[in-house]
C-alpha cells in the first residue's frame, strides 16, 4: 500500500512540476504577447496622431475655402442686387414707355 501512496505522491509531484513549468512558459508567452501588443499599440497611436493631424489640416483648409466662398457670395449678392435693380428700372421704363405710347 505504501508503494501505491508513494506512486500517487510522485505522480502528484510530477504534475505539480509540470504545472509549474507550464505556468512559467505561459507567463513568458504572455509577457512576450504584452510586449508585442504594446509595440503595436504604440505604432497605432502614432498612426492615429498622423491621421488626426491630416484631418485637422483638411478641416482648416475647408474652413478657409468656405470663408473664400462666403466672400465671393457677398460680392455676388451686391452684384445681383445691382442687376436686379437695373432690370427693374428697365422694366419700369419699358412699361412707362408703352403706357405713354398707349395714351397719346
N, C-alpha and C. Protein backbone atom coordinates (compact mmCIF):
# COMPACT_ATOMS: atom_id res chain seq x y z
N UNK A 1 0.81 -1.18 0.00
CA UNK A 1 0.00 0.00 0.00
C UNK A 1 0.86 1.25 0.00
N UNK A 2 1.99 1.17 0.60
CA UNK A 2 2.85 2.35 0.65
C UNK A 2 3.43 2.67 -0.72
N UNK A 3 3.63 1.65 -1.55
CA UNK A 3 4.13 1.92 -2.90
C UNK A 3 3.07 2.63 -3.73
N UNK A 4 1.81 2.29 -3.48
CA UNK A 4 0.73 2.96 -4.19
C UNK A 4 0.66 4.43 -3.77
N UNK A 5 0.78 4.66 -2.46
CA UNK A 5 0.77 6.02 -1.95
C UNK A 5 1.98 6.79 -2.48
N UNK A 6 3.13 6.11 -2.46
CA UNK A 6 4.35 6.75 -2.96
C UNK A 6 4.21 7.07 -4.44
N UNK A 7 3.63 6.17 -5.19
CA UNK A 7 3.42 6.39 -6.62
C UNK A 7 2.45 7.55 -6.84
N UNK A 8 1.41 7.63 -6.02
CA UNK A 8 0.45 8.72 -6.14
C UNK A 8 1.12 10.05 -5.80
N UNK A 9 1.92 10.05 -4.76
CA UNK A 9 2.63 11.27 -4.35
C UNK A 9 3.61 11.68 -5.43
N UNK A 10 4.32 10.73 -6.00
CA UNK A 10 5.28 11.05 -7.06
C UNK A 10 4.58 11.58 -8.31
N UNK A 11 3.45 10.97 -8.66
CA UNK A 11 2.73 11.46 -9.84
C UNK A 11 2.14 12.85 -9.56
N UNK A 12 1.69 13.08 -8.34
CA UNK A 12 1.17 14.40 -7.98
C UNK A 12 2.29 15.43 -8.03
N UNK A 13 3.47 15.06 -7.57
CA UNK A 13 4.61 15.98 -7.61
C UNK A 13 5.03 16.25 -9.06
N UNK A 14 4.99 15.21 -9.89
CA UNK A 14 5.37 15.42 -11.28
C UNK A 14 4.34 16.32 -11.97
N UNK A 15 3.04 16.15 -11.65
CA UNK A 15 2.03 17.05 -12.19
C UNK A 15 2.25 18.47 -11.70
N UNK A 16 2.62 18.60 -10.43
CA UNK A 16 2.87 19.92 -9.87
C UNK A 16 4.06 20.56 -10.58
N UNK A 17 5.10 19.78 -10.84
CA UNK A 17 6.27 20.31 -11.56
C UNK A 17 5.89 20.69 -12.99
N UNK A 18 5.09 19.85 -13.63
CA UNK A 18 4.64 20.17 -14.98
C UNK A 18 3.78 21.43 -15.00
N UNK A 19 2.91 21.55 -14.00
CA UNK A 19 2.09 22.75 -13.89
C UNK A 19 2.95 23.99 -13.65
N UNK A 20 3.96 23.87 -12.82
CA UNK A 20 4.85 25.00 -12.55
C UNK A 20 5.60 25.38 -13.82
N UNK A 21 6.06 24.37 -14.55
CA UNK A 21 6.77 24.64 -15.80
C UNK A 21 5.83 25.28 -16.84
N UNK A 22 4.59 24.75 -16.89
CA UNK A 22 3.60 25.32 -17.80
C UNK A 22 3.28 26.76 -17.41
N UNK A 23 3.19 27.03 -16.13
CA UNK A 23 2.92 28.39 -15.66
C UNK A 23 4.04 29.33 -16.06
N UNK A 24 5.31 28.86 -15.94
CA UNK A 24 6.45 29.68 -16.35
C UNK A 24 6.40 29.96 -17.85
N UNK A 25 6.11 28.90 -18.64
CA UNK A 25 6.02 29.06 -20.09
C UNK A 25 4.90 30.04 -20.46
N UNK A 26 3.76 29.87 -19.81
CA UNK A 26 2.64 30.75 -20.10
C UNK A 26 2.95 32.19 -19.70
N UNK A 27 3.60 32.37 -18.57
CA UNK A 27 3.97 33.72 -18.14
C UNK A 27 4.93 34.35 -19.13
N UNK A 28 5.89 33.55 -19.62
CA UNK A 28 6.83 34.07 -20.61
C UNK A 28 6.11 34.43 -21.91
N UNK A 29 5.18 33.57 -22.34
CA UNK A 29 4.42 33.85 -23.56
C UNK A 29 3.56 35.09 -23.39
N UNK A 30 2.89 35.19 -22.25
CA UNK A 30 2.06 36.38 -22.01
C UNK A 30 2.91 37.64 -21.96
N UNK A 31 4.08 37.56 -21.38
CA UNK A 31 4.98 38.73 -21.35
C UNK A 31 5.39 39.11 -22.77
N UNK A 32 5.69 38.11 -23.60
CA UNK A 32 6.06 38.40 -24.99
C UNK A 32 4.89 39.00 -25.75
N UNK A 33 3.69 38.45 -25.52
CA UNK A 33 2.49 38.98 -26.19
C UNK A 33 2.23 40.41 -25.72
N UNK A 34 2.38 40.66 -24.42
CA UNK A 34 2.19 42.01 -23.88
C UNK A 34 3.17 42.99 -24.51
N UNK A 35 4.42 42.57 -24.65
CA UNK A 35 5.44 43.43 -25.26
C UNK A 35 5.09 43.72 -26.72
N UNK A 36 4.70 42.67 -27.45
CA UNK A 36 4.31 42.86 -28.85
C UNK A 36 3.10 43.78 -28.97
N UNK A 37 2.11 43.56 -28.11
CA UNK A 37 0.92 44.39 -28.15
C UNK A 37 1.24 45.84 -27.83
N UNK A 38 2.11 46.05 -26.86
CA UNK A 38 2.50 47.42 -26.51
C UNK A 38 3.17 48.10 -27.70
N UNK A 39 4.02 47.37 -28.39
CA UNK A 39 4.69 47.94 -29.56
C UNK A 39 3.68 48.24 -30.67
N UNK A 40 2.75 47.33 -30.88
CA UNK A 40 1.73 47.55 -31.91
C UNK A 40 0.82 48.71 -31.55
N UNK A 41 0.43 48.79 -30.28
CA UNK A 41 -0.42 49.90 -29.86
C UNK A 41 0.32 51.23 -30.00
N UNK A 42 1.60 51.24 -29.72
CA UNK A 42 2.39 52.47 -29.91
C UNK A 42 2.40 52.87 -31.39
N UNK A 43 2.53 51.88 -32.27
CA UNK A 43 2.52 52.18 -33.70
C UNK A 43 1.15 52.71 -34.13
N UNK A 44 0.08 52.11 -33.59
CA UNK A 44 -1.27 52.56 -33.93
C UNK A 44 -1.50 53.97 -33.41
N UNK A 45 -1.01 54.25 -32.20
CA UNK A 45 -1.16 55.61 -31.66
C UNK A 45 -0.45 56.62 -32.55
N UNK A 46 0.72 56.26 -33.04
CA UNK A 46 1.46 57.16 -33.93
C UNK A 46 0.69 57.39 -35.22
N UNK A 47 0.13 56.32 -35.77
CA UNK A 47 -0.67 56.46 -37.00
C UNK A 47 -1.90 57.31 -36.76
N UNK A 48 -2.58 57.11 -35.62
CA UNK A 48 -3.75 57.92 -35.32
C UNK A 48 -3.38 59.38 -35.14
N UNK A 49 -2.23 59.64 -34.56
CA UNK A 49 -1.78 61.03 -34.42
C UNK A 49 -1.58 61.65 -35.80
N UNK A 50 -1.01 60.89 -36.72
CA UNK A 50 -0.83 61.40 -38.08
C UNK A 50 -2.18 61.63 -38.75
N UNK A 51 -3.13 60.72 -38.54
CA UNK A 51 -4.47 60.88 -39.13
C UNK A 51 -5.17 62.10 -38.53
N UNK A 52 -5.04 62.29 -37.22
CA UNK A 52 -5.64 63.47 -36.59
C UNK A 52 -5.06 64.75 -37.17
N UNK A 53 -3.75 64.76 -37.39
CA UNK A 53 -3.10 65.93 -37.98
C UNK A 53 -3.64 66.19 -39.38
N UNK A 54 -3.77 65.14 -40.17
CA UNK A 54 -4.30 65.29 -41.53
C UNK A 54 -5.74 65.80 -41.50
N UNK A 55 -6.56 65.26 -40.61
CA UNK A 55 -7.95 65.69 -40.52
C UNK A 55 -8.02 67.16 -40.09
N UNK A 56 -7.17 67.55 -39.14
CA UNK A 56 -7.13 68.95 -38.72
C UNK A 56 -6.76 69.86 -39.89
N UNK A 57 -5.77 69.43 -40.68
CA UNK A 57 -5.36 70.22 -41.84
C UNK A 57 -6.48 70.33 -42.86
N UNK A 58 -7.18 69.22 -43.09
CA UNK A 58 -8.30 69.23 -44.05
C UNK A 58 -9.41 70.15 -43.54
N UNK A 59 -9.71 70.09 -42.26
CA UNK A 59 -10.73 70.98 -41.70
C UNK A 59 -10.33 72.45 -41.84
N UNK A 60 -9.08 72.75 -41.56
CA UNK A 60 -8.61 74.12 -41.70
C UNK A 60 -8.70 74.57 -43.15
N UNK A 61 -8.30 73.71 -44.07
CA UNK A 61 -8.39 74.04 -45.50
C UNK A 61 -9.84 74.25 -45.92
N UNK A 62 -10.73 73.38 -45.44
CA UNK A 62 -12.15 73.50 -45.76
C UNK A 62 -12.72 74.80 -45.20
N UNK A 63 -12.36 75.14 -43.98
CA UNK A 63 -12.83 76.39 -43.39
C UNK A 63 -12.34 77.58 -44.19
N UNK A 64 -11.08 77.53 -44.60
CA UNK A 64 -10.52 78.63 -45.38
C UNK A 64 -11.26 78.76 -46.71
N UNK A 65 -11.55 77.64 -47.35
CA UNK A 65 -12.26 77.68 -48.63
C UNK A 65 -13.68 78.21 -48.46
N UNK A 66 -14.36 77.79 -47.37
CA UNK A 66 -15.70 78.29 -47.14
C UNK A 66 -15.69 79.80 -46.88
N UNK A 67 -14.66 80.27 -46.20
CA UNK A 67 -14.54 81.72 -46.00
C UNK A 67 -14.40 82.43 -47.33
N UNK A 68 -13.60 81.86 -48.24
CA UNK A 68 -13.45 82.46 -49.57
C UNK A 68 -14.77 82.43 -50.33
N UNK A 69 -15.51 81.32 -50.21
CA UNK A 69 -16.80 81.22 -50.89
C UNK A 69 -17.78 82.24 -50.31
N UNK A 70 -17.77 82.42 -48.99
CA UNK A 70 -18.65 83.41 -48.38
C UNK A 70 -18.34 84.81 -48.89
N UNK A 71 -17.05 85.13 -49.04
CA UNK A 71 -16.67 86.44 -49.58
C UNK A 71 -17.17 86.59 -51.01
N UNK A 72 -17.01 85.53 -51.81
CA UNK A 72 -17.49 85.58 -53.20
C UNK A 72 -19.00 85.75 -53.26
N UNK A 73 -19.72 85.03 -52.40
CA UNK A 73 -21.18 85.17 -52.40
C UNK A 73 -21.59 86.56 -51.95
N UNK A 74 -20.86 87.15 -51.01
CA UNK A 74 -21.16 88.52 -50.59
C UNK A 74 -20.99 89.47 -51.77
N UNK A 75 -19.94 89.27 -52.55
CA UNK A 75 -19.73 90.10 -53.73
C UNK A 75 -20.82 89.83 -54.77
N UNK A 76 -21.18 88.58 -54.93
CA UNK A 76 -22.22 88.22 -55.89
C UNK A 76 -23.56 88.81 -55.46
N UNK A 77 -23.84 88.82 -54.16
CA UNK A 77 -25.09 89.39 -53.66
C UNK A 77 -25.19 90.86 -54.03
N UNK A 78 -24.08 91.59 -53.87
CA UNK A 78 -24.08 93.01 -54.23
C UNK A 78 -24.30 93.18 -55.73
N UNK A 79 -23.65 92.37 -56.52
CA UNK A 79 -23.81 92.46 -57.97
C UNK A 79 -25.23 92.07 -58.38
N UNK A 80 -25.77 91.05 -57.71
CA UNK A 80 -27.12 90.62 -58.03
C UNK A 80 -28.13 91.71 -57.70
N UNK A 81 -27.93 92.40 -56.58
CA UNK A 81 -28.83 93.50 -56.21
C UNK A 81 -28.78 94.59 -57.28
N UNK A 82 -27.56 94.91 -57.71
CA UNK A 82 -27.44 95.92 -58.76
C UNK A 82 -28.11 95.44 -60.05
N UNK A 83 -27.91 94.19 -60.40
CA UNK A 83 -28.50 93.63 -61.61
C UNK A 83 -30.02 93.63 -61.51
N UNK A 84 -30.52 93.19 -60.37
CA UNK A 84 -31.97 93.19 -60.17
C UNK A 84 -32.53 94.60 -60.22
N UNK A 85 -31.86 95.54 -59.61
CA UNK A 85 -32.32 96.94 -59.65
C UNK A 85 -32.30 97.48 -61.06
N UNK A 86 -31.27 97.17 -61.82
CA UNK A 86 -31.17 97.65 -63.21
C UNK A 86 -32.28 97.04 -64.06
N UNK A 87 -32.54 95.75 -63.88
CA UNK A 87 -33.61 95.09 -64.64
C UNK A 87 -34.97 95.69 -64.30
N UNK A 88 -35.18 95.95 -63.02
CA UNK A 88 -36.46 96.55 -62.61
C UNK A 88 -36.60 97.94 -63.21
N UNK A 89 -35.52 98.71 -63.22
CA UNK A 89 -35.56 100.06 -63.80
C UNK A 89 -35.85 99.98 -65.31
N UNK A 90 -35.24 99.02 -66.00
CA UNK A 90 -35.51 98.86 -67.43
C UNK A 90 -36.96 98.46 -67.65
N UNK A 91 -37.45 97.51 -66.85
CA UNK A 91 -38.85 97.08 -66.97
C UNK A 91 -39.79 98.25 -66.71
N UNK A 92 -39.51 99.06 -65.72
CA UNK A 92 -40.33 100.21 -65.41
C UNK A 92 -40.31 101.22 -66.57
N UNK A 93 -39.12 101.41 -67.16
CA UNK A 93 -39.01 102.33 -68.29
C UNK A 93 -39.79 101.80 -69.49
N UNK A 94 -39.72 100.50 -69.75
CA UNK A 94 -40.44 99.92 -70.88
C UNK A 94 -41.94 100.01 -70.65
N UNK A 95 -42.40 99.70 -69.45
CA UNK A 95 -43.84 99.77 -69.15
C UNK A 95 -44.31 101.22 -69.26
N UNK A 96 -43.52 102.14 -68.73
CA UNK A 96 -43.94 103.56 -68.82
C UNK A 96 -43.93 104.04 -70.27
N UNK A 97 -42.98 103.57 -71.08
CA UNK A 97 -42.96 103.94 -72.50
C UNK A 97 -44.18 103.37 -73.21
N UNK A 98 -44.54 102.13 -72.90
CA UNK A 98 -45.73 101.51 -73.51
C UNK A 98 -47.01 102.23 -73.10
N UNK A 99 -47.08 102.59 -71.80
CA UNK A 99 -48.27 103.32 -71.33
C UNK A 99 -48.32 104.71 -71.97
N UNK A 100 -47.19 105.34 -72.09
CA UNK A 100 -47.11 106.64 -72.72
C UNK A 100 -47.54 106.54 -74.19
N UNK A 101 -47.11 105.51 -74.87
CA UNK A 101 -47.47 105.31 -76.26
C UNK A 101 -48.96 105.01 -76.40
N UNK A 102 -49.49 104.23 -75.42
CA UNK A 102 -50.89 103.83 -75.46
C UNK A 102 -51.82 105.04 -75.29
N UNK A 103 -51.50 105.95 -74.41
CA UNK A 103 -52.41 107.03 -74.07
C UNK A 103 -52.09 108.32 -74.80
N UNK A 104 -51.31 108.31 -75.80
CA UNK A 104 -51.05 109.52 -76.59
C UNK A 104 -51.95 109.66 -77.71
